[in-house]
C-alpha atoms as a PDB file:
ATOM      1  CA  UNK A   1     -21.096 -16.711 -36.183  1.00  0.00           C
ATOM      2  CA  UNK A   2     -18.879 -19.560 -35.046  1.00  0.00           C
ATOM      3  CA  UNK A   3     -20.237 -23.008 -34.330  1.00  0.00           C
ATOM      4  CA  UNK A   4     -23.793 -24.209 -34.524  1.00  0.00           C
ATOM      5  CA  UNK A   5     -26.389 -21.458 -33.984  1.00  0.00           C
ATOM      6  CA  UNK A   6     -28.806 -23.812 -32.231  1.00  0.00           C
ATOM      7  CA  UNK A   7     -26.191 -25.117 -29.769  1.00  0.00           C
ATOM      8  CA  UNK A   8     -25.047 -21.595 -29.010  1.00  0.00           C
ATOM      9  CA  UNK A   9     -28.598 -20.414 -28.372  1.00  0.00           C
ATOM     10  CA  UNK A  10     -29.359 -23.358 -26.069  1.00  0.00           C
ATOM     11  CA  UNK A  11     -26.152 -22.824 -24.098  1.00  0.00           C
ATOM     12  CA  UNK A  12     -26.847 -19.128 -23.673  1.00  0.00           C
ATOM     13  CA  UNK A  13     -30.432 -19.733 -22.583  1.00  0.00           C
ATOM     14  CA  UNK A  14     -29.227 -22.159 -19.908  1.00  0.00           C
ATOM     15  CA  UNK A  15     -26.785 -19.586 -18.559  1.00  0.00           C
ATOM     16  CA  UNK A  16     -29.409 -16.855 -18.464  1.00  0.00           C
ATOM     17  CA  UNK A  17     -31.974 -19.106 -16.843  1.00  0.00           C
ATOM     18  CA  UNK A  18     -29.482 -20.156 -14.161  1.00  0.00           C
ATOM     19  CA  UNK A  19     -29.524 -16.596 -12.815  1.00  0.00           C
ATOM     20  CA  UNK A  20     -32.918 -15.007 -12.260  1.00  0.00           C
ATOM     21  CA  UNK A  21     -33.681 -11.764 -14.071  1.00  0.00           C
ATOM     22  CA  UNK A  22     -36.011 -10.723 -11.228  1.00  0.00           C
ATOM     23  CA  UNK A  23     -34.567  -7.718  -9.434  1.00  0.00           C
ATOM     24  CA  UNK A  24     -35.273  -6.087  -6.107  1.00  0.00           C
ATOM     25  CA  UNK A  25     -35.170  -2.596  -7.583  1.00  0.00           C
ATOM     26  CA  UNK A  26     -35.561  -0.916  -4.185  1.00  0.00           C
ATOM     27  CA  UNK A  27     -33.292  -3.278  -2.247  1.00  0.00           C
ATOM     28  CA  UNK A  28     -30.888  -0.513  -1.221  1.00  0.00           C
ATOM     29  CA  UNK A  29     -31.603   2.995   0.047  1.00  0.00           C
ATOM     30  CA  UNK A  30     -29.087   5.855   0.481  1.00  0.00           C
ATOM     31  CA  UNK A  31     -27.343   5.889   3.860  1.00  0.00           C
ATOM     32  CA  UNK A  32     -26.350   9.508   3.276  1.00  0.00           C
ATOM     33  CA  UNK A  33     -28.158  12.845   3.183  1.00  0.00           C
ATOM     34  CA  UNK A  34     -27.494  15.644   0.649  1.00  0.00           C
ATOM     35  CA  UNK A  35     -26.299  18.849   2.296  1.00  0.00           C
ATOM     36  CA  UNK A  36     -26.412  22.418   0.967  1.00  0.00           C
ATOM     37  CA  UNK A  37     -25.342  25.822   2.250  1.00  0.00           C
ATOM     38  CA  UNK A  38     -21.832  24.703   3.227  1.00  0.00           C
ATOM     39  CA  UNK A  39     -18.954  27.184   3.068  1.00  0.00           C
ATOM     40  CA  UNK A  40     -17.172  25.982  -0.080  1.00  0.00           C
ATOM     41  CA  UNK A  41     -13.916  27.568   1.073  1.00  0.00           C
ATOM     42  CA  UNK A  42     -13.564  24.573   3.404  1.00  0.00           C
ATOM     43  CA  UNK A  43     -12.563  22.306   0.537  1.00  0.00           C
ATOM     44  CA  UNK A  44      -9.433  21.016   2.262  1.00  0.00           C
ATOM     45  CA  UNK A  45     -11.327  20.070   5.407  1.00  0.00           C
ATOM     46  CA  UNK A  46     -14.059  18.343   3.405  1.00  0.00           C
ATOM     47  CA  UNK A  47     -11.429  16.499   1.401  1.00  0.00           C
ATOM     48  CA  UNK A  48      -9.669  15.272   4.541  1.00  0.00           C
ATOM     49  CA  UNK A  49     -13.036  14.108   5.889  1.00  0.00           C
ATOM     50  CA  UNK A  50     -13.705  12.208   2.673  1.00  0.00           C
ATOM     51  CA  UNK A  51     -10.329  10.442   2.665  1.00  0.00           C
ATOM     52  CA  UNK A  52     -10.549   9.531   6.357  1.00  0.00           C
ATOM     53  CA  UNK A  53     -14.102   8.235   5.981  1.00  0.00           C
ATOM     54  CA  UNK A  54     -13.170   6.122   2.978  1.00  0.00           C
ATOM     55  CA  UNK A  55     -10.156   4.731   4.852  1.00  0.00           C
ATOM     56  CA  UNK A  56     -12.425   3.803   7.773  1.00  0.00           C
ATOM     57  CA  UNK A  57     -14.486   1.579   5.475  1.00  0.00           C
ATOM     58  CA  UNK A  58     -11.505   0.289   3.425  1.00  0.00           C
ATOM     59  CA  UNK A  59      -8.642  -0.290   5.853  1.00  0.00           C
ATOM     60  CA  UNK A  60      -6.138  -1.411   3.185  1.00  0.00           C
ATOM     61  CA  UNK A  61      -6.604   1.704   1.064  1.00  0.00           C
ATOM     62  CA  UNK A  62      -3.172   3.243   0.334  1.00  0.00           C
ATOM     63  CA  UNK A  63      -4.225   6.738   1.359  1.00  0.00           C
ATOM     64  CA  UNK A  64      -0.597   7.897   1.642  1.00  0.00           C
ATOM     65  CA  UNK A  65      -0.408   7.864  -2.155  1.00  0.00           C
ATOM     66  CA  UNK A  66      -3.205  10.433  -2.340  1.00  0.00           C
ATOM     67  CA  UNK A  67      -0.837  13.095  -0.966  1.00  0.00           C
ATOM     68  CA  UNK A  68       0.753  13.228  -4.425  1.00  0.00           C
ATOM     69  CA  UNK A  69      -2.471  14.463  -6.026  1.00  0.00           C
ATOM     70  CA  UNK A  70      -4.062  16.609  -3.311  1.00  0.00           C
ATOM     71  CA  UNK A  71      -3.789  19.809  -5.366  1.00  0.00           C
ATOM     72  CA  UNK A  72      -5.471  18.137  -8.368  1.00  0.00           C
ATOM     73  CA  UNK A  73      -8.271  16.824  -6.187  1.00  0.00           C
ATOM     74  CA  UNK A  74      -8.837  20.244  -4.619  1.00  0.00           C
ATOM     75  CA  UNK A  75      -9.432  21.572  -8.107  1.00  0.00           C
ATOM     76  CA  UNK A  76     -11.819  18.892  -9.332  1.00  0.00           C
ATOM     77  CA  UNK A  77     -14.112  18.982  -6.258  1.00  0.00           C
ATOM     78  CA  UNK A  78     -15.105  22.632  -6.712  1.00  0.00           C
ATOM     79  CA  UNK A  79     -18.567  21.592  -7.904  1.00  0.00           C
ATOM     80  CA  UNK A  80     -18.785  18.255  -6.123  1.00  0.00           C
ATOM     81  CA  UNK A  81     -21.934  17.466  -4.112  1.00  0.00           C
ATOM     82  CA  UNK A  82     -21.598  17.462  -0.323  1.00  0.00           C
ATOM     83  CA  UNK A  83     -23.329  14.740   1.673  1.00  0.00           C
ATOM     84  CA  UNK A  84     -23.608  13.792   5.326  1.00  0.00           C
ATOM     85  CA  UNK A  85     -22.410  10.214   5.838  1.00  0.00           C
ATOM     86  CA  UNK A  86     -21.326   8.577   9.095  1.00  0.00           C
ATOM     87  CA  UNK A  87     -22.136  11.890  10.818  1.00  0.00           C
ATOM     88  CA  UNK A  88     -19.455  13.530   8.693  1.00  0.00           C
ATOM     89  CA  UNK A  89     -19.595  15.950   5.760  1.00  0.00           C
ATOM     90  CA  UNK A  90     -17.845  14.485   2.715  1.00  0.00           C
ATOM     91  CA  UNK A  91     -17.657  14.886  -1.055  1.00  0.00           C
ATOM     92  CA  UNK A  92     -19.926  12.377  -2.775  1.00  0.00           C
ATOM     93  CA  UNK A  93     -18.101  12.088  -6.131  1.00  0.00           C
ATOM     94  CA  UNK A  94     -14.647  12.254  -4.588  1.00  0.00           C
ATOM     95  CA  UNK A  95     -15.622   9.261  -2.449  1.00  0.00           C
ATOM     96  CA  UNK A  96     -16.351   7.363  -5.662  1.00  0.00           C
ATOM     97  CA  UNK A  97     -13.048   8.496  -7.218  1.00  0.00           C
ATOM     98  CA  UNK A  98     -11.220   7.137  -4.158  1.00  0.00           C
ATOM     99  CA  UNK A  99     -12.995   3.825  -4.711  1.00  0.00           C
ATOM    100  CA  UNK A 100     -11.751   3.656  -8.321  1.00  0.00           C
ATOM    101  CA  UNK A 101      -8.239   4.546  -7.166  1.00  0.00           C
ATOM    102  CA  UNK A 102      -8.410   1.879  -4.466  1.00  0.00           C
ATOM    103  CA  UNK A 103      -9.448  -0.735  -7.015  1.00  0.00           C
ATOM    104  CA  UNK A 104      -6.628   0.320  -9.335  1.00  0.00           C
ATOM    105  CA  UNK A 105      -4.032   0.136  -6.545  1.00  0.00           C
ATOM    106  CA  UNK A 106      -5.247  -3.368  -5.659  1.00  0.00           C
ATOM    107  CA  UNK A 107      -5.088  -4.451  -9.315  1.00  0.00           C
ATOM    108  CA  UNK A 108      -1.513  -3.142  -9.486  1.00  0.00           C
ATOM    109  CA  UNK A 109      -0.480  -5.225  -6.485  1.00  0.00           C
ATOM    110  CA  UNK A 110      -2.125  -8.337  -7.904  1.00  0.00           C
ATOM    111  CA  UNK A 111      -0.512  -8.005 -11.334  1.00  0.00           C
ATOM    112  CA  UNK A 112       2.907  -7.369  -9.790  1.00  0.00           C
ATOM    113  CA  UNK A 113       2.720 -10.585  -7.755  1.00  0.00           C
ATOM    114  CA  UNK A 114       3.675 -13.652  -9.860  1.00  0.00           C
ATOM    115  CA  UNK A 115       2.541 -15.946  -7.030  1.00  0.00           C
ATOM    116  CA  UNK A 116      -1.036 -14.663  -7.282  1.00  0.00           C
ATOM    117  CA  UNK A 117      -1.464 -13.806 -10.977  1.00  0.00           C
ATOM    118  CA  UNK A 118      -2.364 -15.224 -13.396  1.00  0.00           C
ATOM    119  CA  UNK A 119      -5.075 -17.092 -11.584  1.00  0.00           C
ATOM    120  CA  UNK A 120      -8.558 -18.387 -12.402  1.00  0.00           C
ATOM    121  CA  UNK A 121      -9.571 -18.321 -16.043  1.00  0.00           C
ATOM    122  CA  UNK A 122      -6.559 -16.121 -16.909  1.00  0.00           C
ATOM    123  CA  UNK A 123      -4.367 -19.234 -16.603  1.00  0.00           C
ATOM    124  CA  UNK A 124      -6.014 -21.025 -19.525  1.00  0.00           C
ATOM    125  CA  UNK A 125      -7.747 -18.223 -21.427  1.00  0.00           C
ATOM    126  CA  UNK A 126      -5.607 -18.372 -24.593  1.00  0.00           C
ATOM    127  CA  UNK A 127      -4.976 -22.127 -24.687  1.00  0.00           C
ATOM    128  CA  UNK A 128      -7.900 -23.875 -26.378  1.00  0.00           C
ATOM    129  CA  UNK A 129      -6.479 -27.300 -25.491  1.00  0.00           C
ATOM    130  CA  UNK A 130      -6.678 -26.452 -21.793  1.00  0.00           C
ATOM    131  CA  UNK A 131     -10.135 -24.944 -22.333  1.00  0.00           C
ATOM    132  CA  UNK A 132     -11.252 -28.190 -23.958  1.00  0.00           C
ATOM    133  CA  UNK A 133      -9.777 -30.262 -21.108  1.00  0.00           C
ATOM    134  CA  UNK A 134     -11.482 -28.090 -18.485  1.00  0.00           C
ATOM    135  CA  UNK A 135     -14.782 -28.390 -20.366  1.00  0.00           C
ATOM    136  CA  UNK A 136     -14.469 -32.191 -20.573  1.00  0.00           C
ATOM    137  CA  UNK A 137     -13.658 -32.409 -16.863  1.00  0.00           C
ATOM    138  CA  UNK A 138     -16.836 -30.561 -15.924  1.00  0.00           C
ATOM    139  CA  UNK A 139     -18.885 -32.597 -18.394  1.00  0.00           C
ATOM    140  CA  UNK A 140     -17.758 -35.815 -16.668  1.00  0.00           C
ATOM    141  CA  UNK A 141     -19.095 -34.384 -13.438  1.00  0.00           C
ATOM    142  CA  UNK A 142     -22.519 -34.008 -15.085  1.00  0.00           C
ATOM    143  CA  UNK A 143     -23.035 -37.250 -17.015  1.00  0.00           C
ATOM    144  CA  UNK A 144     -21.931 -40.866 -16.936  1.00  0.00           C
ATOM    145  CA  UNK A 145     -20.929 -43.207 -14.144  1.00  0.00           C
ATOM    146  CA  UNK A 146     -18.745 -40.637 -12.366  1.00  0.00           C
ATOM    147  CA  UNK A 147     -21.196 -37.750 -12.271  1.00  0.00           C
ATOM    148  CA  UNK A 148     -21.426 -35.826  -9.026  1.00  0.00           C
ATOM    149  CA  UNK A 149     -24.476 -35.988  -6.790  1.00  0.00           C
ATOM    150  CA  UNK A 150     -24.487 -32.170  -6.546  1.00  0.00           C
ATOM    151  CA  UNK A 151     -23.797 -30.842 -10.024  1.00  0.00           C
ATOM    152  CA  UNK A 152     -24.588 -27.129  -9.604  1.00  0.00           C
ATOM    153  CA  UNK A 153     -21.014 -25.891  -9.777  1.00  0.00           C
ATOM    154  CA  UNK A 154     -19.884 -28.090 -12.664  1.00  0.00           C
ATOM    155  CA  UNK A 155     -23.067 -27.271 -14.597  1.00  0.00           C
ATOM    156  CA  UNK A 156     -22.408 -23.537 -14.679  1.00  0.00           C
ATOM    157  CA  UNK A 157     -18.709 -24.032 -15.408  1.00  0.00           C
ATOM    158  CA  UNK A 158     -19.554 -26.406 -18.249  1.00  0.00           C
ATOM    159  CA  UNK A 159     -22.081 -24.003 -19.778  1.00  0.00           C
ATOM    160  CA  UNK A 160     -19.708 -21.039 -19.602  1.00  0.00           C
ATOM    161  CA  UNK A 161     -16.780 -23.033 -20.979  1.00  0.00           C
ATOM    162  CA  UNK A 162     -18.977 -24.376 -23.775  1.00  0.00           C
ATOM    163  CA  UNK A 163     -20.087 -20.887 -24.716  1.00  0.00           C
ATOM    164  CA  UNK A 164     -16.457 -19.697 -24.684  1.00  0.00           C
ATOM    165  CA  UNK A 165     -15.467 -22.685 -26.808  1.00  0.00           C
ATOM    166  CA  UNK A 166     -18.125 -21.708 -29.355  1.00  0.00           C
ATOM    167  CA  UNK A 167     -17.572 -17.952 -29.385  1.00  0.00           C
ATOM    168  CA  UNK A 168     -15.059 -15.978 -27.269  1.00  0.00           C
ATOM    169  CA  UNK A 169     -16.331 -12.413 -27.911  1.00  0.00           C
ATOM    170  CA  UNK A 170     -19.920 -13.411 -27.168  1.00  0.00           C
ATOM    171  CA  UNK A 171     -18.944 -15.125 -23.922  1.00  0.00           C
ATOM    172  CA  UNK A 172     -16.946 -12.133 -22.734  1.00  0.00           C
ATOM    173  CA  UNK A 173     -19.861  -9.829 -23.548  1.00  0.00           C
ATOM    174  CA  UNK A 174     -22.300 -11.773 -21.368  1.00  0.00           C
ATOM    175  CA  UNK A 175     -19.753 -12.207 -18.569  1.00  0.00           C
ATOM    176  CA  UNK A 176     -19.068  -8.484 -18.614  1.00  0.00           C
ATOM    177  CA  UNK A 177     -22.767  -7.694 -18.326  1.00  0.00           C
ATOM    178  CA  UNK A 178     -22.501  -8.935 -14.741  1.00  0.00           C
ATOM    179  CA  UNK A 179     -19.803  -6.322 -14.065  1.00  0.00           C
ATOM    180  CA  UNK A 180     -22.129  -3.513 -15.078  1.00  0.00           C
ATOM    181  CA  UNK A 181     -25.358  -4.852 -13.581  1.00  0.00           C
ATOM    182  CA  UNK A 182     -26.227  -4.704  -9.895  1.00  0.00           C
ATOM    183  CA  UNK A 183     -25.664  -8.339  -8.990  1.00  0.00           C
ATOM    184  CA  UNK A 184     -26.636  -7.665  -5.386  1.00  0.00           C
ATOM    185  CA  UNK A 185     -30.199  -6.918  -6.493  1.00  0.00           C
ATOM    186  CA  UNK A 186     -30.814 -10.270  -8.222  1.00  0.00           C
ATOM    187  CA  UNK A 187     -33.496 -11.966  -6.178  1.00  0.00           C
ATOM    188  CA  UNK A 188     -32.167 -15.488  -6.787  1.00  0.00           C
ATOM    189  CA  UNK A 189     -29.086 -14.710  -4.717  1.00  0.00           C
ATOM    190  CA  UNK A 190     -31.291 -14.335  -1.655  1.00  0.00           C
ATOM    191  CA  UNK A 191     -33.416 -17.419  -2.220  1.00  0.00           C
ATOM    192  CA  UNK A 192     -30.711 -20.096  -2.191  1.00  0.00           C
ATOM    193  CA  UNK A 193     -27.564 -19.251  -0.257  1.00  0.00           C
ATOM    194  CA  UNK A 194     -25.626 -22.264  -1.509  1.00  0.00           C
ATOM    195  CA  UNK A 195     -26.563 -21.659  -5.155  1.00  0.00           C
ATOM    196  CA  UNK A 196     -25.751 -17.942  -4.925  1.00  0.00           C
ATOM    197  CA  UNK A 197     -22.297 -18.724  -3.513  1.00  0.00           C
ATOM    198  CA  UNK A 198     -21.611 -21.094  -6.404  1.00  0.00           C
ATOM    199  CA  UNK A 199     -22.832 -18.577  -8.989  1.00  0.00           C
ATOM    200  CA  UNK A 200     -20.662 -15.777  -7.611  1.00  0.00           C
ATOM    201  CA  UNK A 201     -17.582 -17.999  -7.238  1.00  0.00           C
ATOM    202  CA  UNK A 202     -17.940 -19.347 -10.773  1.00  0.00           C
ATOM    203  CA  UNK A 203     -18.426 -15.865 -12.198  1.00  0.00           C
ATOM    204  CA  UNK A 204     -15.383 -14.689 -10.246  1.00  0.00           C
ATOM    205  CA  UNK A 205     -13.363 -17.565 -11.725  1.00  0.00           C
ATOM    206  CA  UNK A 206     -14.306 -16.728 -15.321  1.00  0.00           C
ATOM    207  CA  UNK A 207     -14.013 -12.975 -14.782  1.00  0.00           C
ATOM    208  CA  UNK A 208     -10.388 -13.328 -13.673  1.00  0.00           C
ATOM    209  CA  UNK A 209      -9.003 -12.616 -17.124  1.00  0.00           C
ATOM    210  CA  UNK A 210      -5.736 -11.635 -18.754  1.00  0.00           C
ATOM    211  CA  UNK A 211      -4.674  -7.995 -18.636  1.00  0.00           C
ATOM    212  CA  UNK A 212      -1.690  -5.722 -17.939  1.00  0.00           C
ATOM    213  CA  UNK A 213      -0.887  -2.872 -15.538  1.00  0.00           C
ATOM    214  CA  UNK A 214      -0.872  -0.484 -18.489  1.00  0.00           C
ATOM    215  CA  UNK A 215      -4.409  -1.525 -19.403  1.00  0.00           C
ATOM    216  CA  UNK A 216      -5.579  -1.098 -15.803  1.00  0.00           C
ATOM    217  CA  UNK A 217      -4.133   2.427 -15.576  1.00  0.00           C
ATOM    218  CA  UNK A 218      -5.650   3.347 -18.935  1.00  0.00           C
ATOM    219  CA  UNK A 219      -9.024   2.089 -17.715  1.00  0.00           C
ATOM    220  CA  UNK A 220      -8.737   4.292 -14.631  1.00  0.00           C
ATOM    221  CA  UNK A 221      -7.923   7.321 -16.790  1.00  0.00           C
ATOM    222  CA  UNK A 222     -11.033   6.668 -18.916  1.00  0.00           C
ATOM    223  CA  UNK A 223     -13.225   6.467 -15.812  1.00  0.00           C
ATOM    224  CA  UNK A 224     -11.641   9.522 -14.177  1.00  0.00           C
ATOM    225  CA  UNK A 225     -12.043  11.666 -17.297  1.00  0.00           C
ATOM    226  CA  UNK A 226     -15.701  10.705 -17.708  1.00  0.00           C
ATOM    227  CA  UNK A 227     -16.338  11.188 -13.979  1.00  0.00           C
ATOM    228  CA  UNK A 228     -15.085  14.761 -14.250  1.00  0.00           C
ATOM    229  CA  UNK A 229     -16.993  15.689 -17.398  1.00  0.00           C
ATOM    230  CA  UNK A 230     -20.226  13.949 -16.416  1.00  0.00           C
ATOM    231  CA  UNK A 231     -20.491  14.352 -12.631  1.00  0.00           C
ATOM    232  CA  UNK A 232     -18.141  17.168 -11.624  1.00  0.00           C
ATOM    233  CA  UNK A 233     -19.091  19.702 -14.306  1.00  0.00           C
ATOM    234  CA  UNK A 234     -15.528  20.099 -15.582  1.00  0.00           C
ATOM    235  CA  UNK A 235     -14.992  21.026 -19.227  1.00  0.00           C
ATOM    236  CA  UNK A 236     -13.243  18.587 -21.534  1.00  0.00           C
ATOM    237  CA  UNK A 237      -9.924  20.426 -21.727  1.00  0.00           C
ATOM    238  CA  UNK A 238      -9.536  20.825 -17.957  1.00  0.00           C
ATOM    239  CA  UNK A 239     -10.626  17.211 -17.451  1.00  0.00           C
ATOM    240  CA  UNK A 240      -7.862  16.098 -19.821  1.00  0.00           C
ATOM    241  CA  UNK A 241      -5.258  18.169 -17.952  1.00  0.00           C
ATOM    242  CA  UNK A 242      -6.289  16.865 -14.527  1.00  0.00           C
ATOM    243  CA  UNK A 243      -6.449  13.263 -15.769  1.00  0.00           C
ATOM    244  CA  UNK A 244      -2.963  13.491 -17.271  1.00  0.00           C
ATOM    245  CA  UNK A 245      -1.575  15.043 -14.092  1.00  0.00           C
ATOM    246  CA  UNK A 246      -3.169  12.523 -11.687  1.00  0.00           C
ATOM    247  CA  UNK A 247      -2.222   9.470 -13.748  1.00  0.00           C
ATOM    248  CA  UNK A 248       1.385  10.594 -14.180  1.00  0.00           C
ATOM    249  CA  UNK A 249       1.887  11.480 -10.498  1.00  0.00           C
ATOM    250  CA  UNK A 250       0.424   8.185  -9.277  1.00  0.00           C
ATOM    251  CA  UNK A 251       1.524   5.722 -11.947  1.00  0.00           C
ATOM    252  CA  UNK A 252       4.235   7.478 -13.992  1.00  0.00           C
ATOM    253  CA  UNK A 253       2.152   6.744 -17.088  1.00  0.00           C
ATOM    254  CA  UNK A 254       1.192   9.129 -19.883  1.00  0.00           C
ATOM    255  CA  UNK A 255      -2.380   9.453 -21.135  1.00  0.00           C
ATOM    256  CA  UNK A 256      -3.509   9.629 -24.750  1.00  0.00           C
ATOM    257  CA  UNK A 257      -6.451  11.995 -24.369  1.00  0.00           C
ATOM    258  CA  UNK A 258      -7.520  11.390 -27.979  1.00  0.00           C
ATOM    259  CA  UNK A 259      -8.940   8.066 -26.828  1.00  0.00           C
ATOM    260  CA  UNK A 260     -11.349   9.455 -24.210  1.00  0.00           C
ATOM    261  CA  UNK A 261     -14.095  10.226 -26.691  1.00  0.00           C
ATOM    262  CA  UNK A 262     -13.589   7.116 -28.831  1.00  0.00           C
ATOM    263  CA  UNK A 263     -15.641   3.933 -28.731  1.00  0.00           C
ATOM    264  CA  UNK A 264     -15.172   2.593 -25.185  1.00  0.00           C
ATOM    265  CA  UNK A 265     -15.364  -1.149 -24.653  1.00  0.00           C
ATOM    266  CA  UNK A 266     -15.065  -3.432 -21.651  1.00  0.00           C
ATOM    267  CA  UNK A 267     -11.858  -5.222 -22.595  1.00  0.00           C
ATOM    268  CA  UNK A 268     -11.133  -7.452 -19.635  1.00  0.00           C
ATOM    269  CA  UNK A 269     -11.602  -7.897 -15.909  1.00  0.00           C
ATOM    270  CA  UNK A 270      -9.887  -8.978 -12.714  1.00  0.00           C
ATOM    271  CA  UNK A 271     -12.701 -10.730 -10.935  1.00  0.00           C
ATOM    272  CA  UNK A 272     -15.485  -8.197 -10.492  1.00  0.00           C
ATOM    273  CA  UNK A 273     -13.127  -5.295 -11.327  1.00  0.00           C
ATOM    274  CA  UNK A 274     -13.801  -4.192 -14.942  1.00  0.00           C
ATOM    275  CA  UNK A 275     -11.075  -2.899 -17.254  1.00  0.00           C
ATOM    276  CA  UNK A 276     -12.161  -0.479 -19.974  1.00  0.00           C
ATOM    277  CA  UNK A 277     -10.322   0.467 -23.141  1.00  0.00           C
ATOM    278  CA  UNK A 278     -10.840   2.443 -26.319  1.00  0.00           C
ATOM    279  CA  UNK A 279     -11.417   1.036 -29.775  1.00  0.00           C
ATOM    280  CA  UNK A 280     -12.334   2.194 -33.262  1.00  0.00           C
ATOM    281  CA  UNK A 281     -15.451   0.059 -33.139  1.00  0.00           C
ATOM    282  CA  UNK A 282     -17.175  -2.713 -31.227  1.00  0.00           C
ATOM    283  CA  UNK A 283     -15.254  -5.971 -30.830  1.00  0.00           C
ATOM    284  CA  UNK A 284     -18.410  -7.877 -31.828  1.00  0.00           C
ATOM    285  CA  UNK A 285     -19.414  -8.627 -35.389  1.00  0.00           C
ATOM    286  CA  UNK A 286     -22.767  -7.467 -36.748  1.00  0.00           C
ATOM    287  CA  UNK A 287     -24.102 -11.021 -36.695  1.00  0.00           C
ATOM    288  CA  UNK A 288     -23.081 -11.420 -33.054  1.00  0.00           C
ATOM    289  CA  UNK A 289     -24.699  -8.124 -32.066  1.00  0.00           C
ATOM    290  CA  UNK A 290     -27.954  -9.152 -33.756  1.00  0.00           C
ATOM    291  CA  UNK A 291     -27.854 -12.463 -31.893  1.00  0.00           C
ATOM    292  CA  UNK A 292     -27.350 -10.672 -28.551  1.00  0.00           C
ATOM    293  CA  UNK A 293     -30.232  -8.303 -29.281  1.00  0.00           C
ATOM    294  CA  UNK A 294     -32.561 -11.207 -30.074  1.00  0.00           C
ATOM    295  CA  UNK A 295     -31.657 -13.020 -26.854  1.00  0.00           C
ATOM    296  CA  UNK A 296     -31.932  -9.949 -24.643  1.00  0.00           C
ATOM    297  CA  UNK A 297     -35.272  -8.933 -26.120  1.00  0.00           C
ATOM    298  CA  UNK A 298     -36.548 -12.473 -25.765  1.00  0.00           C
ATOM    299  CA  UNK A 299     -35.295 -13.368 -22.279  1.00  0.00           C
ATOM    300  CA  UNK A 300     -34.298 -10.355 -20.274  1.00  0.00           C
ATOM    301  CA  UNK A 301     -35.598  -6.913 -21.138  1.00  0.00           C
ATOM    302  CA  UNK A 302     -39.315  -5.954 -21.356  1.00  0.00           C
ATOM    303  CA  UNK A 303     -38.914  -2.999 -23.752  1.00  0.00           C
ATOM    304  CA  UNK A 304     -40.103  -2.159 -27.265  1.00  0.00           C
ATOM    305  CA  UNK A 305     -37.639  -2.678 -30.122  1.00  0.00           C
ATOM    306  CA  UNK A 306     -37.175   1.019 -30.961  1.00  0.00           C
ATOM    307  CA  UNK A 307     -36.198   2.030 -27.432  1.00  0.00           C
ATOM    308  CA  UNK A 308     -34.148  -1.129 -27.000  1.00  0.00           C
ATOM    309  CA  UNK A 309     -32.013  -0.268 -30.052  1.00  0.00           C
ATOM    310  CA  UNK A 310     -31.212   3.138 -28.539  1.00  0.00           C
ATOM    311  CA  UNK A 311     -30.432   1.555 -25.169  1.00  0.00           C
ATOM    312  CA  UNK A 312     -28.285  -1.174 -26.717  1.00  0.00           C
ATOM    313  CA  UNK A 313     -26.243   1.194 -28.901  1.00  0.00           C
ATOM    314  CA  UNK A 314     -25.576   3.467 -25.918  1.00  0.00           C
ATOM    315  CA  UNK A 315     -24.626   0.462 -23.793  1.00  0.00           C
ATOM    316  CA  UNK A 316     -22.225  -0.834 -26.453  1.00  0.00           C
ATOM    317  CA  UNK A 317     -20.486   2.522 -26.954  1.00  0.00           C
ATOM    318  CA  UNK A 318     -20.426   3.723 -23.350  1.00  0.00           C
ATOM    319  CA  UNK A 319     -20.309   0.812 -20.871  1.00  0.00           C
ATOM    320  CA  UNK A 320     -18.126   2.924 -18.552  1.00  0.00           C
ATOM    321  CA  UNK A 321     -20.964   5.413 -18.070  1.00  0.00           C
ATOM    322  CA  UNK A 322     -23.189   2.671 -16.691  1.00  0.00           C
ATOM    323  CA  UNK A 323     -20.383   1.556 -14.385  1.00  0.00           C
ATOM    324  CA  UNK A 324     -19.854   5.111 -13.110  1.00  0.00           C
ATOM    325  CA  UNK A 325     -23.494   5.231 -12.029  1.00  0.00           C
ATOM    326  CA  UNK A 326     -22.521   2.884  -9.188  1.00  0.00           C
ATOM    327  CA  UNK A 327     -21.289   4.023  -5.792  1.00  0.00           C
ATOM    328  CA  UNK A 328     -19.488   2.084  -3.011  1.00  0.00           C
ATOM    329  CA  UNK A 329     -21.927  -0.178  -1.209  1.00  0.00           C
ATOM    330  CA  UNK A 330     -21.387   1.344   2.243  1.00  0.00           C
ATOM    331  CA  UNK A 331     -23.164   4.495   1.044  1.00  0.00           C
ATOM    332  CA  UNK A 332     -26.391   2.465   1.103  1.00  0.00           C
ATOM    333  CA  UNK A 333     -28.360   0.341   3.537  1.00  0.00           C
ATOM    334  CA  UNK A 334     -30.814  -2.447   2.939  1.00  0.00           C
ATOM    335  CA  UNK A 335     -34.486  -1.534   2.648  1.00  0.00           C
ATOM    336  CA  UNK A 336     -36.134  -2.641   5.932  1.00  0.00           C
ATOM    337  CA  UNK A 337     -38.899  -4.453   4.074  1.00  0.00           C
ATOM    338  CA  UNK A 338     -36.306  -7.014   2.860  1.00  0.00           C
ATOM    339  CA  UNK A 339     -34.690  -7.470   6.269  1.00  0.00           C
ATOM    340  CA  UNK A 340     -36.196 -10.924   6.738  1.00  0.00           C
END
């Protein structure tokens, strides 16, 4: 592993300790109710309800583009769950698919705008001289005659830049963990409003990474395919056909369906929007994976080694499955016991 093992360990421990691993597991409760016994011939009406409801909560959603794929969507929702939300009957999984489409449309707009992208860490990500300068700048804010009185922001930026300076793949792995975890449930974010704002802004800065429109569309196709096979009870072949059709109609891109069942990795991100890709194997070396396992077992996860190995291997090969377990936040409401 690159650089000094002791320095790397210390840096990582500081980052992990800066964000509490105490979670409010029951912070959010469903704001919807499952519904059964609905006439499934009303698919078109239910679909229109779902699109309208999503648009109500996401006013900038480009719902006009959905007209291009209505027939595909009518096919994939045949076994979708129906829920009552906002006093309206909608498709639960389709609502999530619309969220992923919305995110992809927004990423497209960002990447097509040279005045807005690259921004954040994407500006300096591949230039180690600029990384070193940025690291030195934040270090000056922490020590010496010119150190800042309030050093919270520079401290986290310095730690993350130092970790990146030591080992890029390892840094990206730990940054990407925050894309898959439920950040909203971390108790520390509710205990210090100022600190939580700094943490989220700094993470957003470092998570704004380099990518392309092609990579974003490919990521969407990976998520859509897995959504269909895992949540909508669609067989692999039909899922491939629908994915190819939807992606081509919306983005004029072709899909290599051979990659859907390969090793999926979290390749990049645009802020808190993750971008998945396929690979022959993990982008981490064996030594780096062993280091991560040691740190997670030591600092974060109360689980025996045998079960942890199974969990870790699944996490490394299928990070998109964990991401798909999430649903748009408006489908939930805060548990009353945390209202204070």
